[in-house]
Amino acid sequence: MQLDPPQTLADAQHVVASSRPRQKAPLSEWLAYHQRAAAYYAEVAEIDRGHHHEALAMAEEQRQFAMKIKTQIPAQRLAGEEEAR
């Protein structure tokens, strides 16, 4: 558990990498992971001004991953419901 939010881009990258879900984790876990990562990078962009633009770009990339996963979750739920029948 991270007690203090990351203060540098390197800190954020370490926290994000160490909290990565397993490859076959449910999409809901991956969505939460990408949303957290986007928040970390956005926050760090305002603190670690030397890496401001890079952190903003990484936050946007994580938001895009999260948006893509959001579109896949309803499809995953439907497939699971059909398999249960």
Protein backbone atom coordinates (compact mmCIF):
# COMPACT_ATOMS: atom_id res chain seq x y z
CA MET A 1 0.00 0.00 0.00
CA GLN A 2 1.37 3.42 -0.98
CA LEU A 3 1.10 5.79 1.96
CA ASP A 4 2.40 8.91 0.26
CA PRO A 5 1.50 9.80 -3.31
CA PRO A 6 4.40 9.73 -5.75
CA GLN A 7 6.34 12.99 -5.93
CA THR A 8 8.38 12.39 -9.09
CA LEU A 9 7.76 10.77 -12.44
CA ALA A 10 10.15 7.98 -11.49
CA ASP A 11 8.20 7.37 -8.27
CA ALA A 12 4.94 7.23 -10.21
CA GLN A 13 6.38 4.81 -12.74
CA HIS A 14 7.57 2.56 -9.90
CA VAL A 15 4.19 2.62 -8.14
CA VAL A 16 2.30 1.96 -11.38
CA ALA A 17 4.60 -0.90 -12.40
CA SER A 18 4.45 -2.54 -8.97
CA SER A 19 0.64 -2.43 -8.87
CA ARG A 20 0.09 -3.92 -12.33
CA PRO A 21 -2.56 -6.66 -12.30
CA ARG A 22 -1.84 -10.16 -13.52
CA GLN A 23 -2.26 -10.59 -17.26
CA LYS A 24 -5.53 -12.54 -17.00
CA ALA A 25 -7.05 -10.30 -14.33
CA PRO A 26 -10.67 -9.23 -14.90
CA LEU A 27 -11.16 -6.12 -16.97
CA SER A 28 -12.52 -4.33 -13.90
CA GLU A 29 -9.08 -4.71 -12.25
CA TRP A 30 -7.35 -3.39 -15.35
CA LEU A 31 -9.77 -0.45 -15.51
CA ALA A 32 -9.04 0.49 -11.89
CA TYR A 33 -5.30 0.12 -12.54
CA HIS A 34 -5.32 2.46 -15.55
CA GLN A 35 -7.53 4.99 -13.76
CA ARG A 36 -5.16 5.02 -10.76
CA ALA A 37 -2.14 5.32 -13.06
CA ALA A 38 -3.72 8.27 -14.89
CA ALA A 39 -4.38 9.99 -11.56
CA TYR A 40 -0.80 9.40 -10.36
CA TYR A 41 0.70 10.78 -13.56
CA ALA A 42 -1.62 13.79 -13.61
CA GLU A 43 -0.74 14.61 -10.02
CA VAL A 44 2.98 14.17 -10.62
CA ALA A 45 2.77 16.47 -13.66
CA GLU A 46 1.95 19.32 -11.28
CA ILE A 47 4.66 18.40 -8.74
CA ASP A 48 7.62 17.25 -10.86
CA ARG A 49 7.69 20.25 -13.17
CA GLY A 50 10.81 19.03 -14.95
CA HIS A 51 8.73 16.15 -16.32
CA HIS A 52 5.44 18.04 -16.64
CA HIS A 53 4.72 17.32 -20.30
CA GLU A 54 5.92 13.73 -20.16
CA ALA A 55 3.74 13.00 -17.12
CA LEU A 56 0.73 14.65 -18.79
CA ALA A 57 1.26 12.50 -21.87
CA MET A 58 1.48 9.37 -19.73
CA ALA A 59 -1.71 10.36 -17.88
CA GLU A 60 -3.51 10.78 -21.19
CA GLU A 61 -2.23 7.42 -22.42
CA GLN A 62 -3.56 5.75 -19.27
CA ARG A 63 -6.94 7.50 -19.72
CA GLN A 64 -7.11 6.16 -23.27
CA PHE A 65 -6.39 2.62 -22.05
CA ALA A 66 -9.14 3.02 -19.43
CA MET A 67 -11.64 4.25 -22.02
CA LYS A 68 -10.87 1.29 -24.28
CA ILE A 69 -11.38 -1.14 -21.40
CA LYS A 70 -14.70 0.52 -20.45
CA THR A 71 -16.04 -0.37 -23.88
CA GLN A 72 -14.95 -3.99 -23.44
CA ILE A 73 -16.52 -4.56 -20.00
CA PRO A 74 -20.17 -4.75 -21.19
CA ALA A 75 -19.11 -7.24 -23.88
CA GLN A 76 -17.27 -9.35 -21.27
CA ARG A 77 -20.34 -9.34 -19.00
CA LEU A 78 -22.61 -10.42 -21.86
CA ALA A 79 -20.26 -13.24 -22.82
CA GLY A 80 -20.15 -14.42 -19.21
CA GLU A 81 -23.94 -14.39 -18.95
CA GLU A 82 -24.28 -16.42 -22.16
CA GLU A 83 -21.76 -18.99 -20.90
CA ALA A 84 -23.72 -19.33 -17.64
CA ARG A 85 -26.89 -20.30 -19.52
